[in-house]
Amino acid sequence: MQKPGTVRIGDREYTLDERGFLFPPEQWDEAFAEGMAERLGIYDGLTEEHWKFIRYLRKKFLDEKTVPLVVYACADNNLRLSRLAHLFPTGYHRGACKIAGINYQFMFDCNPWITYESYSVLKSEFKLTDSGFLESFDRWNERFAQITAGECQLPEGLTDKHWQIIRYLRDYYGHNKNIPTVFAACKANGIDVGELRELFPSGYRRGACRIAGLPFLG
């Protein structure tokens, strides 16, 4: 039976971080790339065009200790964004970077915007802080919540339970100018911390509070 935080590809078992990225990254090999690609919807196998982009990412990762933003990665490889989306249907960081064996924490430490697939859409419509939070609490709307939630890979999108918590957070902050503790939020909404984590896999602050338009307070 496969253990949590692992994936078996062929006769080898690889360990993953909590978001499903290879960790530690030294485990990477071409078998992992092929197996992960199939799991991410690339059913006909990796073509030379895929491999060219994967090798480019690994060179940046290993030699330059960085991961380029998607616009620079496309420019370096003479690729349109639409072509990249065709090659890697689950996206740049959740597809190409995952297949290339780059772990989530490295990408976030390198540049948090790499992990936000909706960056360009959000940035064009809303003023954001460097950490990706809404700059002004009063500028929030449901569209911001929907776009931001899209990064969280919620199978059913924002459900009634998500909206209950989002509205609670906005109401609490609007009255108190402070963010409730995670325990207070859970108690007020009749859930435990485990259920909150299932609802918001990105966490309380970077998931629930960010979607609700609350500021990042450290």
N, C-alpha and C. Protein backbone atom coordinates (compact mmCIF):
# COMPACT_ATOMS: atom_id res chain seq x y z
N MET A 1 0.86 -1.20 0.00
CA MET A 1 0.00 0.00 0.00
C MET A 1 0.89 1.25 0.00
N GLN A 2 0.57 2.20 -0.89
CA GLN A 2 1.39 3.42 -1.00
C GLN A 2 1.22 4.30 0.22
N LYS A 3 2.32 4.77 0.79
CA LYS A 3 2.27 5.62 1.98
C LYS A 3 1.91 7.05 1.59
N PRO A 4 1.27 7.81 2.53
CA PRO A 4 0.99 9.22 2.25
C PRO A 4 2.30 9.96 1.97
N GLY A 5 2.28 10.89 1.01
CA GLY A 5 3.47 11.65 0.71
C GLY A 5 4.45 10.90 -0.17
N THR A 6 4.00 9.85 -0.83
CA THR A 6 4.86 9.12 -1.75
C THR A 6 4.10 8.84 -3.04
N VAL A 7 4.85 8.54 -4.08
CA VAL A 7 4.27 8.08 -5.33
C VAL A 7 5.14 6.95 -5.86
N ARG A 8 4.51 5.89 -6.31
CA ARG A 8 5.26 4.77 -6.88
C ARG A 8 5.19 4.84 -8.39
N ILE A 9 6.36 4.86 -9.00
CA ILE A 9 6.47 4.88 -10.46
C ILE A 9 7.39 3.74 -10.84
N GLY A 10 6.86 2.79 -11.58
CA GLY A 10 7.64 1.60 -11.88
C GLY A 10 7.92 0.84 -10.60
N ASP A 11 9.19 0.52 -10.40
CA ASP A 11 9.55 -0.22 -9.18
C ASP A 11 10.18 0.68 -8.13
N ARG A 12 10.03 2.00 -8.29
CA ARG A 12 10.64 2.93 -7.34
C ARG A 12 9.58 3.80 -6.67
N GLU A 13 9.78 4.08 -5.40
CA GLU A 13 8.90 4.95 -4.64
C GLU A 13 9.61 6.27 -4.37
N TYR A 14 8.92 7.37 -4.69
CA TYR A 14 9.47 8.71 -4.51
C TYR A 14 8.70 9.42 -3.39
N THR A 15 9.40 10.19 -2.58
CA THR A 15 8.73 10.96 -1.53
C THR A 15 8.38 12.35 -2.06
N LEU A 16 7.24 12.86 -1.58
CA LEU A 16 6.72 14.13 -2.04
C LEU A 16 6.49 15.07 -0.87
N ASP A 17 6.47 16.37 -1.15
CA ASP A 17 6.11 17.31 -0.10
C ASP A 17 4.59 17.35 0.03
N GLU A 18 4.09 18.18 0.92
CA GLU A 18 2.65 18.15 1.22
C GLU A 18 1.80 18.60 0.05
N ARG A 19 2.39 19.25 -0.95
CA ARG A 19 1.63 19.69 -2.12
C ARG A 19 1.84 18.78 -3.32
N GLY A 20 2.54 17.67 -3.10
CA GLY A 20 2.71 16.70 -4.17
C GLY A 20 3.91 16.93 -5.07
N PHE A 21 4.85 17.80 -4.65
CA PHE A 21 6.07 18.04 -5.40
C PHE A 21 7.19 17.15 -4.86
N LEU A 22 8.11 16.76 -5.73
CA LEU A 22 9.21 15.89 -5.33
C LEU A 22 10.06 16.54 -4.24
N PHE A 23 10.27 15.81 -3.15
CA PHE A 23 11.11 16.33 -2.07
C PHE A 23 11.66 15.17 -1.25
N PRO A 24 13.00 15.09 -1.07
CA PRO A 24 13.98 16.03 -1.59
C PRO A 24 14.17 15.90 -3.10
N PRO A 25 14.59 16.99 -3.76
CA PRO A 25 14.65 16.99 -5.22
C PRO A 25 15.73 16.10 -5.81
N GLU A 26 16.69 15.66 -4.98
CA GLU A 26 17.77 14.79 -5.48
C GLU A 26 17.26 13.44 -5.98
N GLN A 27 16.02 13.10 -5.67
CA GLN A 27 15.46 11.83 -6.12
C GLN A 27 15.16 11.81 -7.62
N TRP A 28 15.11 12.97 -8.23
CA TRP A 28 14.60 13.08 -9.61
C TRP A 28 15.38 12.21 -10.58
N ASP A 29 14.67 11.59 -11.48
CA ASP A 29 15.26 10.93 -12.64
C ASP A 29 14.23 10.97 -13.76
N GLU A 30 14.61 10.51 -14.94
CA GLU A 30 13.72 10.61 -16.09
C GLU A 30 12.48 9.73 -15.93
N ALA A 31 12.60 8.65 -15.17
CA ALA A 31 11.44 7.79 -14.93
C ALA A 31 10.39 8.55 -14.12
N PHE A 32 10.85 9.35 -13.14
CA PHE A 32 9.91 10.16 -12.38
C PHE A 32 9.19 11.14 -13.30
N ALA A 33 9.95 11.80 -14.17
CA ALA A 33 9.36 12.78 -15.09
C ALA A 33 8.29 12.13 -15.96
N GLU A 34 8.59 10.98 -16.52
CA GLU A 34 7.63 10.29 -17.39
C GLU A 34 6.39 9.87 -16.61
N GLY A 35 6.60 9.30 -15.42
CA GLY A 35 5.46 8.85 -14.62
C GLY A 35 4.60 9.99 -14.14
N MET A 36 5.22 11.09 -13.69
CA MET A 36 4.46 12.24 -13.21
C MET A 36 3.72 12.90 -14.37
N ALA A 37 4.34 12.94 -15.55
CA ALA A 37 3.69 13.53 -16.72
C ALA A 37 2.38 12.81 -17.03
N GLU A 38 2.42 11.50 -16.96
CA GLU A 38 1.20 10.73 -17.23
C GLU A 38 0.13 11.04 -16.21
N ARG A 39 0.53 11.20 -14.94
CA ARG A 39 -0.44 11.52 -13.89
C ARG A 39 -1.00 12.92 -14.06
N LEU A 40 -0.30 13.77 -14.79
CA LEU A 40 -0.75 15.15 -14.99
C LEU A 40 -1.39 15.35 -16.36
N GLY A 41 -1.80 14.27 -16.98
CA GLY A 41 -2.59 14.38 -18.21
C GLY A 41 -1.83 14.35 -19.50
N ILE A 42 -0.52 14.07 -19.46
CA ILE A 42 0.27 13.96 -20.70
C ILE A 42 0.36 12.47 -21.02
N TYR A 43 -0.69 11.96 -21.64
CA TYR A 43 -0.86 10.52 -21.77
C TYR A 43 -0.03 9.90 -22.89
N ASP A 44 0.41 10.69 -23.85
CA ASP A 44 1.17 10.15 -24.97
C ASP A 44 2.68 10.18 -24.75
N GLY A 45 3.08 10.49 -23.52
CA GLY A 45 4.50 10.53 -23.20
C GLY A 45 5.13 11.88 -23.49
N LEU A 46 6.32 12.09 -22.96
CA LEU A 46 7.03 13.35 -23.13
C LEU A 46 7.77 13.37 -24.47
N THR A 47 7.48 14.40 -25.25
CA THR A 47 8.13 14.57 -26.54
C THR A 47 9.45 15.31 -26.36
N GLU A 48 10.20 15.44 -27.41
CA GLU A 48 11.46 16.19 -27.33
C GLU A 48 11.19 17.64 -26.98
N GLU A 49 10.04 18.18 -27.40
CA GLU A 49 9.69 19.56 -27.04
C GLU A 49 9.48 19.68 -25.53
N HIS A 50 8.81 18.68 -24.95
CA HIS A 50 8.68 18.66 -23.49
C HIS A 50 10.05 18.61 -22.82
N TRP A 51 10.87 17.66 -23.30
CA TRP A 51 12.17 17.44 -22.66
C TRP A 51 13.07 18.67 -22.77
N LYS A 52 12.99 19.39 -23.86
CA LYS A 52 13.80 20.60 -24.00
C LYS A 52 13.45 21.60 -22.89
N PHE A 53 12.16 21.75 -22.62
CA PHE A 53 11.72 22.69 -21.61
C PHE A 53 12.06 22.18 -20.20
N ILE A 54 11.89 20.89 -19.98
CA ILE A 54 12.22 20.28 -18.68
C ILE A 54 13.71 20.44 -18.39
N ARG A 55 14.56 20.18 -19.38
CA ARG A 55 16.02 20.30 -19.17
C ARG A 55 16.41 21.76 -18.92
N TYR A 56 15.72 22.66 -19.58
CA TYR A 56 15.96 24.09 -19.34
C TYR A 56 15.65 24.44 -17.88
N LEU A 57 14.49 23.95 -17.37
CA LEU A 57 14.11 24.23 -15.98
C LEU A 57 15.10 23.62 -15.00
N ARG A 58 15.55 22.40 -15.29
CA ARG A 58 16.50 21.75 -14.39
C ARG A 58 17.85 22.46 -14.39
N LYS A 59 18.27 22.97 -15.52
CA LYS A 59 19.53 23.73 -15.57
C LYS A 59 19.42 25.00 -14.74
N LYS A 60 18.29 25.69 -14.86
CA LYS A 60 18.07 26.90 -14.06
C LYS A 60 18.07 26.56 -12.57
N PHE A 61 17.40 25.47 -12.25
CA PHE A 61 17.25 25.03 -10.87
C PHE A 61 18.58 24.59 -10.26
N LEU A 62 19.32 23.75 -10.98
CA LEU A 62 20.55 23.17 -10.44
C LEU A 62 21.76 24.09 -10.55
N ASP A 63 21.90 24.74 -11.70
CA ASP A 63 23.11 25.54 -11.94
C ASP A 63 22.97 26.98 -11.46
N GLU A 64 21.78 27.56 -11.64
CA GLU A 64 21.59 28.97 -11.31
C GLU A 64 20.80 29.17 -10.01
N LYS A 65 20.32 28.07 -9.43
CA LYS A 65 19.58 28.11 -8.16
C LYS A 65 18.40 29.07 -8.23
N THR A 66 17.65 28.97 -9.32
CA THR A 66 16.49 29.83 -9.50
C THR A 66 15.46 29.11 -10.34
N VAL A 67 14.27 29.69 -10.40
CA VAL A 67 13.22 29.25 -11.31
C VAL A 67 12.67 30.52 -11.95
N PRO A 68 12.75 30.64 -13.28
CA PRO A 68 12.29 31.88 -13.92
C PRO A 68 10.78 32.01 -13.89
N LEU A 69 10.28 33.23 -13.90
CA LEU A 69 8.86 33.46 -14.09
C LEU A 69 8.46 32.92 -15.46
N VAL A 70 7.21 32.56 -15.59
CA VAL A 70 6.76 31.87 -16.81
C VAL A 70 7.01 32.69 -18.07
N VAL A 71 6.86 34.01 -17.99
CA VAL A 71 7.06 34.82 -19.20
C VAL A 71 8.51 34.76 -19.68
N TYR A 72 9.46 34.71 -18.74
CA TYR A 72 10.87 34.61 -19.12
C TYR A 72 11.21 33.21 -19.61
N ALA A 73 10.61 32.20 -18.99
CA ALA A 73 10.84 30.82 -19.43
C ALA A 73 10.35 30.63 -20.87
N CYS A 74 9.20 31.21 -21.18
CA CYS A 74 8.68 31.12 -22.54
C CYS A 74 9.57 31.88 -23.53
N ALA A 75 10.00 33.06 -23.14
CA ALA A 75 10.87 33.85 -24.02
C ALA A 75 12.19 33.13 -24.29
N ASP A 76 12.78 32.53 -23.25
CA ASP A 76 14.05 31.82 -23.42
C ASP A 76 13.91 30.62 -24.35
N ASN A 77 12.71 30.06 -24.42
CA ASN A 77 12.49 28.86 -25.23
C ASN A 77 11.68 29.12 -26.49
N ASN A 78 11.47 30.41 -26.77
CA ASN A 78 10.72 30.79 -27.97
C ASN A 78 9.36 30.10 -28.02
N LEU A 79 8.66 30.11 -26.89
CA LEU A 79 7.36 29.47 -26.77
C LEU A 79 6.29 30.52 -26.48
N ARG A 80 5.15 30.39 -27.10
CA ARG A 80 3.99 31.19 -26.71
C ARG A 80 3.39 30.58 -25.45
N LEU A 81 2.73 31.41 -24.65
CA LEU A 81 2.07 30.90 -23.45
C LEU A 81 1.03 29.84 -23.80
N SER A 82 0.35 30.03 -24.93
CA SER A 82 -0.66 29.06 -25.35
C SER A 82 -0.02 27.71 -25.67
N ARG A 83 1.20 27.74 -26.24
CA ARG A 83 1.88 26.49 -26.55
C ARG A 83 2.34 25.80 -25.27
N LEU A 84 2.81 26.57 -24.30
CA LEU A 84 3.21 26.00 -23.03
C LEU A 84 2.01 25.35 -22.34
N ALA A 85 0.85 26.01 -22.42
CA ALA A 85 -0.36 25.45 -21.81
C ALA A 85 -0.77 24.15 -22.50
N HIS A 86 -0.52 24.07 -23.81
CA HIS A 86 -0.81 22.84 -24.54
C HIS A 86 0.14 21.72 -24.11
N LEU A 87 1.41 22.06 -23.94
CA LEU A 87 2.40 21.05 -23.56
C LEU A 87 2.18 20.55 -22.13
N PHE A 88 1.85 21.48 -21.23
CA PHE A 88 1.70 21.14 -19.82
C PHE A 88 0.31 21.61 -19.36
N PRO A 89 -0.71 20.76 -19.54
CA PRO A 89 -2.09 21.19 -19.30
C PRO A 89 -2.41 21.59 -17.87
N THR A 90 -1.63 21.15 -16.88
CA THR A 90 -1.90 21.56 -15.49
C THR A 90 -1.15 22.83 -15.10
N GLY A 91 -0.47 23.45 -16.06
CA GLY A 91 0.15 24.74 -15.78
C GLY A 91 1.67 24.70 -15.71
N TYR A 92 2.25 25.86 -15.45
CA TYR A 92 3.70 26.01 -15.42
C TYR A 92 4.28 25.39 -14.15
N HIS A 93 3.86 25.90 -12.98
CA HIS A 93 4.49 25.38 -11.77
C HIS A 93 3.87 24.06 -11.34
N ARG A 94 2.55 23.88 -11.56
CA ARG A 94 1.92 22.61 -11.17
C ARG A 94 2.10 21.52 -12.22
N GLY A 95 2.65 21.89 -13.36
CA GLY A 95 2.89 20.91 -14.41
C GLY A 95 4.37 20.78 -14.73
N ALA A 96 4.89 21.76 -15.47
CA ALA A 96 6.28 21.69 -15.93
C ALA A 96 7.27 21.60 -14.77
N CYS A 97 7.13 22.48 -13.79
CA CYS A 97 8.09 22.49 -12.67
C CYS A 97 7.97 21.23 -11.81
N LYS A 98 6.75 20.73 -11.65
CA LYS A 98 6.55 19.50 -10.88
C LYS A 98 7.22 18.33 -11.58
N ILE A 99 7.04 18.23 -12.89
CA ILE A 99 7.65 17.15 -13.67
C ILE A 99 9.17 17.26 -13.63
N ALA A 100 9.68 18.49 -13.61
CA ALA A 100 11.13 18.72 -13.59
C ALA A 100 11.74 18.48 -12.21
N GLY A 101 10.92 18.14 -11.23
CA GLY A 101 11.44 17.78 -9.91
C GLY A 101 11.79 18.96 -9.02
N ILE A 102 11.19 20.12 -9.28
CA ILE A 102 11.45 21.30 -8.46
C ILE A 102 10.40 21.36 -7.35
N ASN A 103 10.81 21.43 -6.10
CA ASN A 103 9.84 21.37 -5.02
C ASN A 103 9.21 22.74 -4.76
N TYR A 104 8.03 22.70 -4.16
CA TYR A 104 7.22 23.90 -3.96
C TYR A 104 7.94 24.94 -3.11
N GLN A 105 8.55 24.52 -2.00
CA GLN A 105 9.17 25.48 -1.09
C GLN A 105 10.29 26.25 -1.77
N PHE A 106 11.06 25.56 -2.61
CA PHE A 106 12.13 26.23 -3.34
C PHE A 106 11.55 27.32 -4.24
N MET A 107 10.47 26.99 -4.94
CA MET A 107 9.86 27.97 -5.84
C MET A 107 9.33 29.16 -5.05
N PHE A 108 8.68 28.88 -3.91
CA PHE A 108 8.11 29.96 -3.12
C PHE A 108 9.22 30.85 -2.56
N ASP A 109 10.31 30.24 -2.07
CA ASP A 109 11.42 31.02 -1.53
C ASP A 109 12.10 31.83 -2.61
N CYS A 110 12.16 31.27 -3.82
CA CYS A 110 12.80 31.95 -4.95
C CYS A 110 11.99 33.18 -5.36
N ASN A 111 10.70 32.98 -5.52
CA ASN A 111 9.80 34.07 -5.88
C ASN A 111 8.37 33.57 -5.69
N PRO A 112 7.64 34.06 -4.69
CA PRO A 112 6.30 33.52 -4.43
C PRO A 112 5.36 33.60 -5.61
N TRP A 113 5.62 34.57 -6.53
CA TRP A 113 4.71 34.69 -7.68
C TRP A 113 4.78 33.49 -8.60
N ILE A 114 5.87 32.74 -8.56
CA ILE A 114 5.97 31.54 -9.40
C ILE A 114 4.85 30.57 -9.07
N THR A 115 4.46 30.52 -7.79
CA THR A 115 3.46 29.55 -7.36
C THR A 115 2.03 30.07 -7.54
N TYR A 116 1.87 31.30 -8.03
CA TYR A 116 0.53 31.85 -8.25
C TYR A 116 0.25 31.85 -9.75
N GLU A 117 -0.49 30.84 -10.22
CA GLU A 117 -0.77 30.74 -11.65
C GLU A 117 -1.63 31.91 -12.13
N SER A 118 -2.42 32.52 -11.24
CA SER A 118 -3.32 33.59 -11.65
C SER A 118 -2.71 34.98 -11.43
N TYR A 119 -1.40 35.05 -11.28
CA TYR A 119 -0.72 36.32 -10.97
C TYR A 119 -1.08 37.42 -11.96
N SER A 120 -0.96 37.14 -13.25
CA SER A 120 -1.15 38.19 -14.25
C SER A 120 -2.59 38.71 -14.23
N VAL A 121 -3.57 37.82 -14.01
CA VAL A 121 -4.96 38.24 -13.95
C VAL A 121 -5.21 39.10 -12.72
N LEU A 122 -4.74 38.63 -11.57
CA LEU A 122 -4.93 39.40 -10.33
C LEU A 122 -4.26 40.75 -10.41
N LYS A 123 -3.00 40.75 -10.89
CA LYS A 123 -2.22 41.99 -10.91
C LYS A 123 -2.84 43.03 -11.84
N SER A 124 -3.51 42.57 -12.89
CA SER A 124 -4.11 43.50 -13.84
C SER A 124 -5.38 44.15 -13.28
N GLU A 125 -6.02 43.50 -12.30
CA GLU A 125 -7.29 44.00 -11.78
C GLU A 125 -7.22 44.54 -10.36
N PHE A 126 -6.23 44.11 -9.57
CA PHE A 126 -6.19 44.47 -8.16
C PHE A 126 -4.78 44.92 -7.77
N LYS A 127 -4.72 45.82 -6.79
CA LYS A 127 -3.44 46.20 -6.23
C LYS A 127 -3.07 45.19 -5.15
N LEU A 128 -1.89 44.56 -5.31
CA LEU A 128 -1.47 43.50 -4.41
C LEU A 128 -0.17 43.86 -3.72
N THR A 129 0.05 43.29 -2.55
CA THR A 129 1.33 43.43 -1.86
C THR A 129 2.34 42.48 -2.50
N ASP A 130 3.60 42.59 -2.10
CA ASP A 130 4.63 41.71 -2.64
C ASP A 130 4.37 40.25 -2.29
N SER A 131 3.61 40.01 -1.22
CA SER A 131 3.29 38.64 -0.82
C SER A 131 2.04 38.10 -1.49
N GLY A 132 1.41 38.92 -2.36
CA GLY A 132 0.24 38.47 -3.09
C GLY A 132 -1.08 38.69 -2.40
N PHE A 133 -1.09 39.47 -1.31
CA PHE A 133 -2.32 39.77 -0.60
C PHE A 133 -2.93 41.06 -1.13
N LEU A 134 -4.24 41.17 -1.03
CA LEU A 134 -4.92 42.38 -1.47
C LEU A 134 -4.43 43.58 -0.66
N GLU A 135 -4.07 44.65 -1.35
CA GLU A 135 -3.49 45.81 -0.68
C GLU A 135 -4.52 46.53 0.18
N SER A 136 -5.76 46.58 -0.29
CA SER A 136 -6.81 47.29 0.44
C SER A 136 -7.98 46.35 0.74
N PHE A 137 -8.31 46.20 2.01
CA PHE A 137 -9.42 45.36 2.44
C PHE A 137 -10.72 45.75 1.73
N ASP A 138 -10.91 47.06 1.52
CA ASP A 138 -12.16 47.57 0.93
C ASP A 138 -12.27 47.32 -0.56
N ARG A 139 -11.17 46.93 -1.21
CA ARG A 139 -11.20 46.67 -2.66
C ARG A 139 -11.60 45.24 -3.01
N TRP A 140 -11.83 44.43 -1.99
CA TRP A 140 -12.18 43.02 -2.20
C TRP A 140 -13.53 42.88 -2.90
N ASN A 141 -13.65 41.87 -3.75
CA ASN A 141 -14.96 41.47 -4.27
C ASN A 141 -14.94 39.96 -4.50
N GLU A 142 -16.09 39.41 -4.86
CA GLU A 142 -16.18 37.97 -5.02
C GLU A 142 -15.34 37.46 -6.18
N ARG A 143 -15.11 38.29 -7.18
CA ARG A 143 -14.24 37.88 -8.29
C ARG A 143 -12.81 37.64 -7.79
N PHE A 144 -12.33 38.54 -6.91
CA PHE A 144 -11.01 38.33 -6.33
C PHE A 144 -10.95 36.99 -5.62
N ALA A 145 -11.98 36.68 -4.85
CA ALA A 145 -12.01 35.41 -4.12
C ALA A 145 -11.99 34.22 -5.07
N GLN A 146 -12.77 34.29 -6.14
CA GLN A 146 -12.84 33.18 -7.08
C GLN A 146 -11.51 32.97 -7.79
N ILE A 147 -10.88 34.06 -8.23
CA ILE A 147 -9.59 33.93 -8.93
C ILE A 147 -8.53 33.39 -7.99
N THR A 148 -8.45 33.94 -6.79
CA THR A 148 -7.45 33.51 -5.82
C THR A 148 -7.67 32.05 -5.43
N ALA A 149 -8.93 31.67 -5.25
CA ALA A 149 -9.24 30.29 -4.88
C ALA A 149 -8.83 29.31 -5.97
N GLY A 150 -8.77 29.79 -7.22
CA GLY A 150 -8.37 28.93 -8.32
C GLY A 150 -6.97 28.37 -8.16
N GLU A 151 -6.12 29.06 -7.39
CA GLU A 151 -4.76 28.58 -7.14
C GLU A 151 -4.74 27.41 -6.17
N CYS A 152 -5.83 27.23 -5.42
CA CYS A 152 -5.84 26.25 -4.34
C CYS A 152 -6.26 24.87 -4.80
N GLN A 153 -6.61 24.72 -6.08
CA GLN A 153 -7.00 23.43 -6.64
C GLN A 153 -8.11 22.77 -5.82
N LEU A 154 -9.17 23.53 -5.59
CA LEU A 154 -10.32 23.00 -4.85
C LEU A 154 -11.20 22.22 -5.82
N PRO A 155 -11.42 20.95 -5.59
CA PRO A 155 -12.16 20.11 -6.56
C PRO A 155 -13.53 20.65 -6.93
N GLU A 156 -14.24 21.25 -5.95
CA GLU A 156 -15.59 21.75 -6.19
C GLU A 156 -15.64 23.27 -6.20
N GLY A 157 -14.49 23.93 -6.28
CA GLY A 157 -14.47 25.38 -6.20
C GLY A 157 -14.85 25.85 -4.81
N LEU A 158 -15.34 27.07 -4.71
CA LEU A 158 -15.75 27.62 -3.42
C LEU A 158 -17.17 27.13 -3.11
N THR A 159 -17.29 26.31 -2.09
CA THR A 159 -18.58 25.77 -1.67
C THR A 159 -19.24 26.72 -0.68
N ASP A 160 -20.47 26.39 -0.26
CA ASP A 160 -21.17 27.21 0.74
C ASP A 160 -20.35 27.30 2.03
N LYS A 161 -19.67 26.21 2.39
CA LYS A 161 -18.86 26.22 3.62
C LYS A 161 -17.67 27.17 3.48
N HIS A 162 -17.03 27.17 2.30
CA HIS A 162 -15.94 28.12 2.06
C HIS A 162 -16.47 29.56 2.23
N TRP A 163 -17.61 29.85 1.59
CA TRP A 163 -18.15 31.20 1.64
C TRP A 163 -18.54 31.59 3.05
N GLN A 164 -19.04 30.64 3.84
CA GLN A 164 -19.38 30.92 5.24
C GLN A 164 -18.14 31.42 5.99
N ILE A 165 -17.03 30.76 5.79
CA ILE A 165 -15.79 31.14 6.49
C ILE A 165 -15.25 32.45 5.96
N ILE A 166 -15.28 32.61 4.63
CA ILE A 166 -14.80 33.86 4.02
C ILE A 166 -15.59 35.06 4.55
N ARG A 167 -16.91 34.92 4.62
CA ARG A 167 -17.75 36.04 5.10
C ARG A 167 -17.55 36.29 6.59
N TYR A 168 -17.32 35.20 7.33
CA TYR A 168 -17.02 35.37 8.76
C TYR A 168 -15.72 36.18 8.93
N LEU A 169 -14.69 35.81 8.16
CA LEU A 169 -13.41 36.50 8.27
C LEU A 169 -13.53 37.97 7.91
N ARG A 170 -14.28 38.26 6.86
CA ARG A 170 -14.44 39.66 6.45
C ARG A 170 -15.24 40.44 7.49
N ASP A 171 -16.28 39.81 8.02
CA ASP A 171 -17.08 40.49 9.03
C ASP A 171 -16.27 40.75 10.30
N TYR A 172 -15.49 39.74 10.70
CA TYR A 172 -14.67 39.87 11.91
C TYR A 172 -13.64 40.99 11.73
N TYR A 173 -12.92 40.96 10.60
CA TYR A 173 -11.89 41.96 10.38
C TYR A 173 -12.52 43.36 10.22
N GLY A 174 -13.66 43.42 9.56
CA GLY A 174 -14.33 44.71 9.36
C GLY A 174 -14.71 45.37 10.68
N HIS A 175 -15.07 44.56 11.67
CA HIS A 175 -15.47 45.11 12.97
C HIS A 175 -14.29 45.30 13.92
N ASN A 176 -13.30 44.43 13.85
CA ASN A 176 -12.22 44.43 14.84
C ASN A 176 -10.87 44.92 14.33
N LYS A 177 -10.73 45.05 12.99
CA LYS A 177 -9.45 45.44 12.38
C LYS A 177 -8.32 44.51 12.83
N ASN A 178 -8.67 43.27 13.00
CA ASN A 178 -7.71 42.26 13.41
C ASN A 178 -8.15 40.92 12.84
N ILE A 179 -7.23 39.98 12.71
CA ILE A 179 -7.53 38.66 12.17
C ILE A 179 -7.78 37.70 13.32
N PRO A 180 -8.89 36.98 13.31
CA PRO A 180 -9.14 36.02 14.40
C PRO A 180 -8.12 34.89 14.36
N THR A 181 -7.86 34.29 15.50
CA THR A 181 -6.97 33.13 15.52
C THR A 181 -7.64 31.99 14.76
N VAL A 182 -6.85 31.07 14.32
CA VAL A 182 -7.39 29.93 13.60
C VAL A 182 -8.38 29.15 14.46
N PHE A 183 -8.12 29.08 15.75
CA PHE A 183 -9.01 28.35 16.65
C PHE A 183 -10.34 29.08 16.81
N ALA A 184 -10.28 30.40 16.88
CA ALA A 184 -11.52 31.19 16.98
C ALA A 184 -12.34 31.04 15.71
N ALA A 185 -11.68 31.06 14.56
CA ALA A 185 -12.38 30.91 13.29
C ALA A 185 -13.04 29.54 13.19
N CYS A 186 -12.34 28.51 13.63
CA CYS A 186 -12.90 27.16 13.59
C CYS A 186 -14.12 27.05 14.51
N LYS A 187 -13.98 27.56 15.73
CA LYS A 187 -15.08 27.48 16.69
C LYS A 187 -16.31 28.22 16.19
N ALA A 188 -16.10 29.41 15.62
CA ALA A 188 -17.23 30.22 15.15
C ALA A 188 -17.96 29.56 13.99
N ASN A 189 -17.26 28.71 13.25
CA ASN A 189 -17.85 28.08 12.07
C ASN A 189 -18.14 26.59 12.24
N GLY A 190 -18.01 26.10 13.48
CA GLY A 190 -18.39 24.73 13.78
C GLY A 190 -17.55 23.67 13.11
N ILE A 191 -16.24 23.93 12.98
CA ILE A 191 -15.34 22.95 12.36
C ILE A 191 -14.09 22.84 13.23
N ASP A 192 -13.28 21.80 12.97
CA ASP A 192 -11.99 21.69 13.66
C ASP A 192 -10.88 22.09 12.70
N VAL A 193 -9.65 22.13 13.21
CA VAL A 193 -8.52 22.59 12.40
C VAL A 193 -8.29 21.68 11.20
N GLY A 194 -8.50 20.39 11.39
CA GLY A 194 -8.33 19.45 10.28
C GLY A 194 -9.30 19.73 9.15
N GLU A 195 -10.54 20.05 9.48
CA GLU A 195 -11.55 20.36 8.46
C GLU A 195 -11.20 21.67 7.75
N LEU A 196 -10.69 22.63 8.51
CA LEU A 196 -10.28 23.90 7.89
C LEU A 196 -9.15 23.65 6.89
N ARG A 197 -8.21 22.78 7.25
CA ARG A 197 -7.09 22.47 6.37
C ARG A 197 -7.57 21.80 5.08
N GLU A 198 -8.59 20.96 5.20
CA GLU A 198 -9.15 20.32 4.02
C GLU A 198 -9.85 21.34 3.12
N LEU A 199 -10.52 22.30 3.73
CA LEU A 199 -11.21 23.33 2.96
C LEU A 199 -10.23 24.27 2.27
N PHE A 200 -9.13 24.61 2.98
CA PHE A 200 -8.15 25.56 2.47
C PHE A 200 -6.76 24.92 2.54
N PRO A 201 -6.39 24.10 1.54
CA PRO A 201 -5.10 23.38 1.56
C PRO A 201 -3.89 24.31 1.63
N SER A 202 -4.04 25.56 1.19
CA SER A 202 -2.91 26.50 1.23
C SER A 202 -2.67 27.06 2.63
N GLY A 203 -3.57 26.73 3.57
CA GLY A 203 -3.39 27.20 4.94
C GLY A 203 -4.39 28.27 5.34
N TYR A 204 -4.35 28.64 6.59
CA TYR A 204 -5.29 29.63 7.13
C TYR A 204 -4.98 31.02 6.60
N ARG A 205 -3.72 31.46 6.78
CA ARG A 205 -3.36 32.82 6.34
C ARG A 205 -3.28 32.93 4.82
N ARG A 206 -2.51 32.04 4.18
CA ARG A 206 -2.29 32.13 2.73
C ARG A 206 -3.43 31.54 1.92
N GLY A 207 -4.35 30.88 2.60
CA GLY A 207 -5.52 30.34 1.92
C GLY A 207 -6.76 31.13 2.28
N ALA A 208 -7.36 30.83 3.43
CA ALA A 208 -8.62 31.44 3.82
C ALA A 208 -8.54 32.97 3.93
N CYS A 209 -7.55 33.47 4.67
CA CYS A 209 -7.46 34.92 4.90
C CYS A 209 -7.14 35.68 3.61
N ARG A 210 -6.26 35.10 2.80
CA ARG A 210 -5.91 35.78 1.54
C ARG A 210 -7.11 35.83 0.61
N ILE A 211 -7.86 34.73 0.49
CA ILE A 211 -9.04 34.70 -0.36
C ILE A 211 -10.07 35.71 0.13
N ALA A 212 -10.15 35.86 1.45
CA ALA A 212 -11.13 36.80 2.05
C ALA A 212 -10.69 38.26 1.96
N GLY A 213 -9.50 38.50 1.43
CA GLY A 213 -9.03 39.87 1.27
C GLY A 213 -8.46 40.50 2.51
N LEU A 214 -8.13 39.68 3.50
CA LEU A 214 -7.52 40.21 4.73
C LEU A 214 -6.04 40.47 4.50
N PRO A 215 -5.44 41.42 5.21
CA PRO A 215 -4.02 41.75 4.99
C PRO A 215 -3.11 40.67 5.58
N PHE A 216 -1.88 40.68 5.11
CA PHE A 216 -0.87 39.77 5.67
C PHE A 216 -0.18 40.50 6.79
N LEU A 217 -0.37 40.03 8.02
CA LEU A 217 0.18 40.71 9.20
C LEU A 217 1.34 39.93 9.78
N GLY A 218 2.39 39.75 9.00
CA GLY A 218 3.56 39.06 9.48
C GLY A 218 3.52 37.58 9.24
